Amino acid sequence: MPKESKIVLCGIGNTLRSDDGVGALVCREMEQLKIDGLTTFVFHQLHVELVETFKKFEYIIIVDACMEGEGISFYPLDEHKASSASSSHHVDASFFYRLFQQLYPSKKQFFLCAIRGENFELGESISDYAKKNAAKAIRQITTFLYEQGVSL
């Protein structure tokens, strides 16, 4: 019997806006690793209905493109941190975290992995720069999962 999923990796972004689809790329690559206990989702943006979907997971990792900052930023969300991911979304990662905690106060751990891109024009190609950052993000996420005792 397969292990119950305890980690959700949620890629956010529009795959028709070039580097904005980097979250989906990371989710596809992570699926290929066949990590026990990992579930992946891809959405154009976070929406409040996902709170109900994510309440069964222990770790919630949101992967989103960003236009500023480092190549990647991977950090825990809490009520004091502002999201550095795309501001074009109606519900950003910080707002989603706060809403989740109001509805389901818990010790669940939320993380944001913001991946810097350079091309957000119409198109389905992800730039080499964003792909390089996505590869770094995948390494950082898998290292984090290993440190949490997840079988890789």
N, C-alpha and C. Protein backbone atom coordinates (compact mmCIF):
# COMPACT_ATOMS: atom_id res chain seq x y z
N MET A 1 0.85 -1.17 0.00
CA MET A 1 0.00 0.00 0.00
C MET A 1 0.90 1.25 0.00
N PRO A 2 0.62 2.24 -0.91
CA PRO A 2 1.46 3.44 -0.94
C PRO A 2 1.32 4.27 0.32
N LYS A 3 2.41 4.96 0.66
CA LYS A 3 2.39 5.85 1.81
C LYS A 3 1.43 7.01 1.57
N GLU A 4 0.78 7.45 2.63
CA GLU A 4 -0.10 8.62 2.52
C GLU A 4 0.75 9.87 2.32
N SER A 5 0.30 10.73 1.42
CA SER A 5 1.03 11.96 1.14
C SER A 5 1.02 12.88 2.35
N LYS A 6 2.20 13.40 2.68
CA LYS A 6 2.25 14.38 3.75
C LYS A 6 2.82 15.71 3.27
N ILE A 7 3.28 15.73 2.01
CA ILE A 7 3.86 16.95 1.45
C ILE A 7 3.11 17.29 0.17
N VAL A 8 2.76 18.56 0.04
CA VAL A 8 2.20 19.02 -1.23
C VAL A 8 3.13 20.07 -1.80
N LEU A 9 3.43 19.92 -3.08
CA LEU A 9 4.22 20.88 -3.83
C LEU A 9 3.26 21.50 -4.84
N CYS A 10 3.06 22.79 -4.71
CA CYS A 10 2.07 23.48 -5.53
C CYS A 10 2.76 24.49 -6.43
N GLY A 11 2.79 24.21 -7.72
CA GLY A 11 3.37 25.13 -8.69
C GLY A 11 2.33 26.14 -9.14
N ILE A 12 2.67 27.40 -9.03
CA ILE A 12 1.76 28.49 -9.38
C ILE A 12 2.31 29.22 -10.60
N GLY A 13 1.44 29.54 -11.55
CA GLY A 13 1.87 30.36 -12.68
C GLY A 13 1.17 30.00 -13.97
N ASN A 14 1.28 30.91 -14.90
CA ASN A 14 0.66 30.76 -16.20
C ASN A 14 1.69 30.20 -17.18
N THR A 15 1.48 28.97 -17.62
CA THR A 15 2.43 28.32 -18.52
C THR A 15 2.43 28.95 -19.91
N LEU A 16 1.52 29.87 -20.18
CA LEU A 16 1.50 30.58 -21.46
C LEU A 16 2.19 31.94 -21.37
N ARG A 17 2.84 32.21 -20.23
CA ARG A 17 3.57 33.47 -20.03
C ARG A 17 5.04 33.18 -19.74
N SER A 18 5.62 32.33 -20.52
CA SER A 18 7.05 32.01 -20.47
C SER A 18 7.50 31.64 -19.05
N ASP A 19 8.41 32.40 -18.46
CA ASP A 19 8.98 32.04 -17.16
C ASP A 19 7.97 31.98 -16.03
N ASP A 20 6.81 32.54 -16.21
CA ASP A 20 5.77 32.44 -15.17
C ASP A 20 5.37 30.98 -14.95
N GLY A 21 5.64 30.12 -15.93
CA GLY A 21 5.32 28.70 -15.81
C GLY A 21 6.39 27.87 -15.14
N VAL A 22 7.39 28.49 -14.53
CA VAL A 22 8.48 27.74 -13.92
C VAL A 22 8.00 26.88 -12.74
N GLY A 23 6.96 27.28 -12.05
CA GLY A 23 6.41 26.45 -10.97
C GLY A 23 5.91 25.11 -11.49
N ALA A 24 5.27 25.13 -12.66
CA ALA A 24 4.80 23.90 -13.28
C ALA A 24 5.98 23.01 -13.69
N LEU A 25 7.03 23.64 -14.21
CA LEU A 25 8.24 22.90 -14.58
C LEU A 25 8.82 22.18 -13.37
N VAL A 26 8.93 22.87 -12.25
CA VAL A 26 9.48 22.25 -11.03
C VAL A 26 8.59 21.08 -10.59
N CYS A 27 7.29 21.26 -10.63
CA CYS A 27 6.38 20.16 -10.24
C CYS A 27 6.55 18.95 -11.16
N ARG A 28 6.65 19.17 -12.47
CA ARG A 28 6.84 18.04 -13.40
C ARG A 28 8.14 17.31 -13.10
N GLU A 29 9.21 18.06 -12.87
CA GLU A 29 10.50 17.44 -12.57
C GLU A 29 10.46 16.67 -11.24
N MET A 30 9.82 17.25 -10.25
CA MET A 30 9.71 16.58 -8.94
C MET A 30 8.89 15.30 -9.04
N GLU A 31 7.85 15.30 -9.87
CA GLU A 31 7.04 14.08 -10.07
C GLU A 31 7.90 12.95 -10.62
N GLN A 32 8.84 13.29 -11.49
CA GLN A 32 9.72 12.27 -12.09
C GLN A 32 10.59 11.58 -11.06
N LEU A 33 10.82 12.22 -9.92
CA LEU A 33 11.65 11.64 -8.87
C LEU A 33 10.91 10.58 -8.06
N LYS A 34 9.59 10.51 -8.21
CA LYS A 34 8.77 9.49 -7.52
C LYS A 34 9.05 9.44 -6.02
N ILE A 35 8.92 10.58 -5.37
CA ILE A 35 9.19 10.70 -3.93
C ILE A 35 7.96 10.24 -3.16
N ASP A 36 8.16 9.27 -2.26
CA ASP A 36 7.05 8.80 -1.41
C ASP A 36 6.51 9.95 -0.58
N GLY A 37 5.21 10.05 -0.53
CA GLY A 37 4.59 11.06 0.32
C GLY A 37 4.47 12.43 -0.31
N LEU A 38 4.85 12.58 -1.60
CA LEU A 38 4.78 13.87 -2.27
C LEU A 38 3.63 13.90 -3.26
N THR A 39 2.79 14.92 -3.15
CA THR A 39 1.72 15.18 -4.10
C THR A 39 2.00 16.52 -4.75
N THR A 40 1.79 16.61 -6.06
CA THR A 40 2.02 17.88 -6.75
C THR A 40 0.71 18.38 -7.38
N PHE A 41 0.58 19.68 -7.41
CA PHE A 41 -0.52 20.36 -8.09
C PHE A 41 0.07 21.52 -8.86
N VAL A 42 -0.58 21.89 -9.95
CA VAL A 42 -0.22 23.08 -10.72
C VAL A 42 -1.48 23.89 -10.92
N PHE A 43 -1.41 25.18 -10.59
CA PHE A 43 -2.54 26.09 -10.76
C PHE A 43 -2.02 27.40 -11.35
N HIS A 44 -2.88 28.10 -12.07
CA HIS A 44 -2.50 29.42 -12.59
C HIS A 44 -2.25 30.38 -11.45
N GLN A 45 -3.03 30.25 -10.39
CA GLN A 45 -2.84 31.09 -9.20
C GLN A 45 -3.44 30.39 -8.00
N LEU A 46 -3.01 30.80 -6.82
CA LEU A 46 -3.62 30.29 -5.59
C LEU A 46 -5.03 30.83 -5.50
N HIS A 47 -5.92 30.04 -4.96
CA HIS A 47 -7.26 30.53 -4.68
C HIS A 47 -7.72 29.93 -3.36
N VAL A 48 -8.63 30.62 -2.71
CA VAL A 48 -8.99 30.28 -1.33
C VAL A 48 -9.54 28.87 -1.18
N GLU A 49 -10.12 28.31 -2.21
CA GLU A 49 -10.67 26.96 -2.11
C GLU A 49 -9.59 25.91 -1.87
N LEU A 50 -8.36 26.22 -2.18
CA LEU A 50 -7.26 25.28 -1.96
C LEU A 50 -6.97 25.05 -0.49
N VAL A 51 -7.40 25.94 0.36
CA VAL A 51 -7.19 25.77 1.81
C VAL A 51 -7.75 24.42 2.24
N GLU A 52 -8.92 24.10 1.80
CA GLU A 52 -9.56 22.82 2.15
C GLU A 52 -8.75 21.64 1.59
N THR A 53 -8.28 21.77 0.38
CA THR A 53 -7.50 20.71 -0.27
C THR A 53 -6.19 20.45 0.47
N PHE A 54 -5.55 21.51 0.94
CA PHE A 54 -4.22 21.38 1.54
C PHE A 54 -4.23 21.03 3.03
N LYS A 55 -5.38 21.01 3.66
CA LYS A 55 -5.40 20.81 5.12
C LYS A 55 -4.92 19.43 5.55
N LYS A 56 -4.90 18.46 4.65
CA LYS A 56 -4.47 17.11 5.02
C LYS A 56 -2.95 16.91 4.96
N PHE A 57 -2.23 17.92 4.46
CA PHE A 57 -0.79 17.80 4.32
C PHE A 57 -0.06 18.42 5.51
N GLU A 58 1.10 17.85 5.82
CA GLU A 58 1.94 18.37 6.91
C GLU A 58 2.83 19.52 6.43
N TYR A 59 3.33 19.39 5.21
CA TYR A 59 4.20 20.40 4.61
C TYR A 59 3.54 20.90 3.33
N ILE A 60 3.45 22.20 3.19
CA ILE A 60 2.89 22.83 2.00
C ILE A 60 3.99 23.71 1.41
N ILE A 61 4.43 23.37 0.20
CA ILE A 61 5.48 24.13 -0.47
C ILE A 61 4.88 24.76 -1.73
N ILE A 62 4.89 26.07 -1.77
CA ILE A 62 4.36 26.81 -2.92
C ILE A 62 5.54 27.27 -3.76
N VAL A 63 5.51 26.93 -5.03
CA VAL A 63 6.57 27.29 -5.97
C VAL A 63 6.01 28.29 -6.96
N ASP A 64 6.63 29.46 -7.03
CA ASP A 64 6.11 30.52 -7.89
C ASP A 64 7.27 31.30 -8.51
N ALA A 65 7.02 31.86 -9.66
CA ALA A 65 8.01 32.71 -10.32
C ALA A 65 8.04 34.08 -9.66
N CYS A 66 9.17 34.73 -9.74
CA CYS A 66 9.27 36.11 -9.26
C CYS A 66 10.11 36.92 -10.25
N MET A 67 9.97 38.22 -10.16
CA MET A 67 10.67 39.11 -11.10
C MET A 67 11.87 39.80 -10.47
N GLU A 68 12.03 39.68 -9.17
CA GLU A 68 13.10 40.37 -8.45
C GLU A 68 13.74 39.42 -7.48
N GLY A 69 14.84 39.86 -6.89
CA GLY A 69 15.49 39.08 -5.84
C GLY A 69 16.54 38.14 -6.38
N GLU A 70 16.87 37.16 -5.54
CA GLU A 70 17.90 36.18 -5.86
C GLU A 70 17.38 35.21 -6.93
N GLY A 71 18.26 34.32 -7.36
CA GLY A 71 17.87 33.29 -8.31
C GLY A 71 16.73 32.45 -7.77
N ILE A 72 16.89 32.01 -6.51
CA ILE A 72 15.79 31.35 -5.81
C ILE A 72 15.79 31.80 -4.36
N SER A 73 14.62 31.81 -3.79
CA SER A 73 14.45 32.06 -2.36
C SER A 73 13.53 30.96 -1.84
N PHE A 74 13.99 30.23 -0.85
CA PHE A 74 13.19 29.15 -0.27
C PHE A 74 13.14 29.41 1.23
N TYR A 75 11.95 29.71 1.73
CA TYR A 75 11.86 30.07 3.14
C TYR A 75 10.47 29.74 3.70
N PRO A 76 10.42 29.56 5.03
CA PRO A 76 9.12 29.30 5.66
C PRO A 76 8.27 30.56 5.67
N LEU A 77 6.99 30.36 5.47
CA LEU A 77 6.04 31.47 5.57
C LEU A 77 5.54 31.56 7.00
N ASP A 78 5.38 32.75 7.47
CA ASP A 78 4.69 32.98 8.73
C ASP A 78 3.96 34.31 8.60
N GLU A 79 3.21 34.64 9.62
CA GLU A 79 2.38 35.84 9.53
C GLU A 79 3.18 37.13 9.42
N HIS A 80 4.48 37.07 9.64
CA HIS A 80 5.30 38.27 9.63
C HIS A 80 6.05 38.48 8.31
N LYS A 81 6.09 37.47 7.46
CA LYS A 81 6.85 37.59 6.21
C LYS A 81 5.93 37.90 5.05
N ALA A 82 6.36 38.82 4.23
CA ALA A 82 5.64 39.14 3.00
C ALA A 82 6.14 38.24 1.89
N SER A 83 5.28 37.91 0.98
CA SER A 83 5.63 37.08 -0.15
C SER A 83 6.44 37.87 -1.17
N SER A 84 7.47 37.24 -1.74
CA SER A 84 8.24 37.91 -2.78
C SER A 84 7.91 37.37 -4.16
N ALA A 85 6.94 36.50 -4.24
CA ALA A 85 6.58 35.94 -5.53
C ALA A 85 5.71 36.93 -6.30
N SER A 86 5.25 36.48 -7.41
CA SER A 86 4.53 37.36 -8.33
C SER A 86 3.40 38.12 -7.65
N SER A 87 3.35 39.42 -7.90
CA SER A 87 2.29 40.24 -7.31
C SER A 87 1.06 40.29 -8.20
N SER A 88 1.09 39.58 -9.33
CA SER A 88 -0.06 39.59 -10.23
C SER A 88 -1.17 38.66 -9.75
N HIS A 89 -0.87 37.83 -8.77
CA HIS A 89 -1.88 36.90 -8.27
C HIS A 89 -2.80 37.61 -7.29
N HIS A 90 -4.07 37.22 -7.31
CA HIS A 90 -5.04 37.82 -6.40
C HIS A 90 -4.81 37.33 -4.96
N VAL A 91 -4.39 36.09 -4.82
CA VAL A 91 -4.09 35.52 -3.51
C VAL A 91 -2.63 35.12 -3.53
N ASP A 92 -1.78 35.85 -2.78
CA ASP A 92 -0.38 35.46 -2.76
C ASP A 92 -0.13 34.45 -1.64
N ALA A 93 1.09 33.93 -1.59
CA ALA A 93 1.42 32.86 -0.64
C ALA A 93 1.23 33.29 0.81
N SER A 94 1.59 34.52 1.14
CA SER A 94 1.45 35.01 2.51
C SER A 94 -0.02 35.10 2.92
N PHE A 95 -0.84 35.64 2.04
CA PHE A 95 -2.27 35.74 2.32
C PHE A 95 -2.87 34.34 2.49
N PHE A 96 -2.48 33.42 1.60
CA PHE A 96 -2.97 32.04 1.67
C PHE A 96 -2.60 31.40 3.01
N TYR A 97 -1.37 31.60 3.43
CA TYR A 97 -0.91 31.06 4.71
C TYR A 97 -1.75 31.62 5.86
N ARG A 98 -1.94 32.93 5.89
CA ARG A 98 -2.71 33.55 6.98
C ARG A 98 -4.15 33.05 6.98
N LEU A 99 -4.75 32.94 5.82
CA LEU A 99 -6.12 32.42 5.73
C LEU A 99 -6.19 30.99 6.25
N PHE A 100 -5.23 30.17 5.83
CA PHE A 100 -5.18 28.78 6.29
C PHE A 100 -5.12 28.72 7.81
N GLN A 101 -4.25 29.52 8.40
CA GLN A 101 -4.09 29.51 9.86
C GLN A 101 -5.33 30.01 10.58
N GLN A 102 -6.06 30.94 9.98
CA GLN A 102 -7.30 31.41 10.60
C GLN A 102 -8.37 30.32 10.58
N LEU A 103 -8.45 29.59 9.48
CA LEU A 103 -9.47 28.55 9.36
C LEU A 103 -9.08 27.26 10.07
N TYR A 104 -7.80 26.89 10.00
CA TYR A 104 -7.31 25.64 10.57
C TYR A 104 -6.02 25.91 11.36
N PRO A 105 -6.13 26.55 12.52
CA PRO A 105 -4.91 26.81 13.30
C PRO A 105 -4.15 25.51 13.52
N SER A 106 -2.90 25.51 13.14
CA SER A 106 -2.12 24.27 13.20
C SER A 106 -0.64 24.57 13.18
N LYS A 107 0.12 23.52 13.32
CA LYS A 107 1.58 23.61 13.23
C LYS A 107 2.07 23.16 11.86
N LYS A 108 1.18 23.11 10.89
CA LYS A 108 1.59 22.74 9.55
C LYS A 108 2.63 23.74 9.06
N GLN A 109 3.56 23.25 8.26
CA GLN A 109 4.66 24.09 7.82
C GLN A 109 4.47 24.51 6.37
N PHE A 110 4.47 25.82 6.16
CA PHE A 110 4.31 26.41 4.84
C PHE A 110 5.65 27.00 4.39
N PHE A 111 5.96 26.78 3.12
CA PHE A 111 7.18 27.32 2.55
C PHE A 111 6.88 27.95 1.19
N LEU A 112 7.64 28.96 0.87
CA LEU A 112 7.57 29.56 -0.45
C LEU A 112 8.92 29.35 -1.12
N CYS A 113 8.88 28.86 -2.34
CA CYS A 113 10.07 28.77 -3.17
C CYS A 113 9.81 29.71 -4.35
N ALA A 114 10.42 30.89 -4.29
CA ALA A 114 10.28 31.89 -5.33
C ALA A 114 11.45 31.75 -6.29
N ILE A 115 11.15 31.59 -7.57
CA ILE A 115 12.18 31.34 -8.58
C ILE A 115 12.20 32.53 -9.54
N ARG A 116 13.34 33.15 -9.63
CA ARG A 116 13.47 34.34 -10.48
C ARG A 116 13.48 33.94 -11.95
N GLY A 117 12.68 34.67 -12.71
CA GLY A 117 12.65 34.52 -14.17
C GLY A 117 13.04 35.83 -14.80
N GLU A 118 13.15 35.82 -16.13
CA GLU A 118 13.51 37.06 -16.81
C GLU A 118 12.57 37.38 -17.97
N ASN A 119 11.79 36.42 -18.43
CA ASN A 119 10.90 36.64 -19.56
C ASN A 119 9.48 36.24 -19.17
N PHE A 120 8.59 37.22 -19.11
CA PHE A 120 7.20 36.95 -18.74
C PHE A 120 6.25 37.33 -19.88
N GLU A 121 6.79 37.37 -21.09
CA GLU A 121 5.98 37.67 -22.28
C GLU A 121 5.19 36.43 -22.67
N LEU A 122 4.23 36.61 -23.58
CA LEU A 122 3.46 35.48 -24.08
C LEU A 122 4.39 34.47 -24.73
N GLY A 123 4.16 33.22 -24.45
CA GLY A 123 4.97 32.15 -25.00
C GLY A 123 5.03 30.98 -24.03
N GLU A 124 5.40 29.82 -24.56
CA GLU A 124 5.45 28.62 -23.73
C GLU A 124 6.86 28.18 -23.38
N SER A 125 7.86 28.94 -23.82
CA SER A 125 9.26 28.58 -23.56
C SER A 125 9.75 29.24 -22.28
N ILE A 126 10.42 28.45 -21.49
CA ILE A 126 11.03 28.97 -20.27
C ILE A 126 12.49 29.30 -20.58
N SER A 127 12.94 30.46 -20.17
CA SER A 127 14.30 30.91 -20.47
C SER A 127 15.34 30.00 -19.80
N ASP A 128 16.54 30.00 -20.37
CA ASP A 128 17.63 29.23 -19.77
C ASP A 128 17.92 29.70 -18.35
N TYR A 129 17.80 31.00 -18.11
CA TYR A 129 18.02 31.56 -16.78
C TYR A 129 17.03 30.96 -15.77
N ALA A 130 15.75 30.92 -16.12
CA ALA A 130 14.74 30.37 -15.22
C ALA A 130 14.92 28.86 -15.06
N LYS A 131 15.31 28.17 -16.12
CA LYS A 131 15.56 26.72 -16.02
C LYS A 131 16.71 26.44 -15.06
N LYS A 132 17.76 27.25 -15.15
CA LYS A 132 18.90 27.09 -14.23
C LYS A 132 18.44 27.30 -12.79
N ASN A 133 17.63 28.32 -12.56
CA ASN A 133 17.12 28.57 -11.21
C ASN A 133 16.17 27.46 -10.76
N ALA A 134 15.39 26.91 -11.69
CA ALA A 134 14.49 25.80 -11.36
C ALA A 134 15.30 24.58 -10.91
N ALA A 135 16.40 24.31 -11.59
CA ALA A 135 17.25 23.17 -11.19
C ALA A 135 17.79 23.37 -9.78
N LYS A 136 18.20 24.59 -9.47
CA LYS A 136 18.66 24.89 -8.10
C LYS A 136 17.53 24.70 -7.09
N ALA A 137 16.34 25.14 -7.45
CA ALA A 137 15.19 25.00 -6.56
C ALA A 137 14.88 23.52 -6.30
N ILE A 138 14.94 22.71 -7.33
CA ILE A 138 14.68 21.27 -7.18
C ILE A 138 15.69 20.65 -6.22
N ARG A 139 16.96 21.02 -6.38
CA ARG A 139 17.98 20.50 -5.45
C ARG A 139 17.70 20.95 -4.02
N GLN A 140 17.30 22.20 -3.86
CA GLN A 140 17.04 22.71 -2.51
C GLN A 140 15.80 22.06 -1.90
N ILE A 141 14.78 21.86 -2.70
CA ILE A 141 13.56 21.22 -2.20
C ILE A 141 13.83 19.77 -1.82
N THR A 142 14.56 19.03 -2.67
CA THR A 142 14.83 17.63 -2.35
C THR A 142 15.72 17.52 -1.11
N THR A 143 16.68 18.43 -0.96
CA THR A 143 17.51 18.44 0.26
C THR A 143 16.63 18.69 1.48
N PHE A 144 15.73 19.66 1.38
CA PHE A 144 14.82 19.95 2.49
C PHE A 144 13.99 18.71 2.84
N LEU A 145 13.44 18.05 1.83
CA LEU A 145 12.61 16.86 2.08
C LEU A 145 13.43 15.76 2.75
N TYR A 146 14.65 15.56 2.29
CA TYR A 146 15.54 14.58 2.90
C TYR A 146 15.77 14.91 4.37
N GLU A 147 16.01 16.19 4.66
CA GLU A 147 16.22 16.61 6.04
C GLU A 147 14.99 16.40 6.91
N GLN A 148 13.82 16.36 6.30
CA GLN A 148 12.58 16.13 7.03
C GLN A 148 12.29 14.64 7.19
N GLY A 149 13.17 13.79 6.66
CA GLY A 149 13.00 12.34 6.80
C GLY A 149 12.16 11.71 5.73
N VAL A 150 11.95 12.42 4.61
CA VAL A 150 11.17 11.87 3.52
C VAL A 150 12.06 10.96 2.69
N SER A 151 11.54 9.79 2.33
CA SER A 151 12.31 8.84 1.50
C SER A 151 12.42 9.37 0.09
N LEU A 152 13.65 9.46 -0.40
CA LEU A 152 13.87 9.91 -1.77
C LEU A 152 14.29 8.75 -2.65
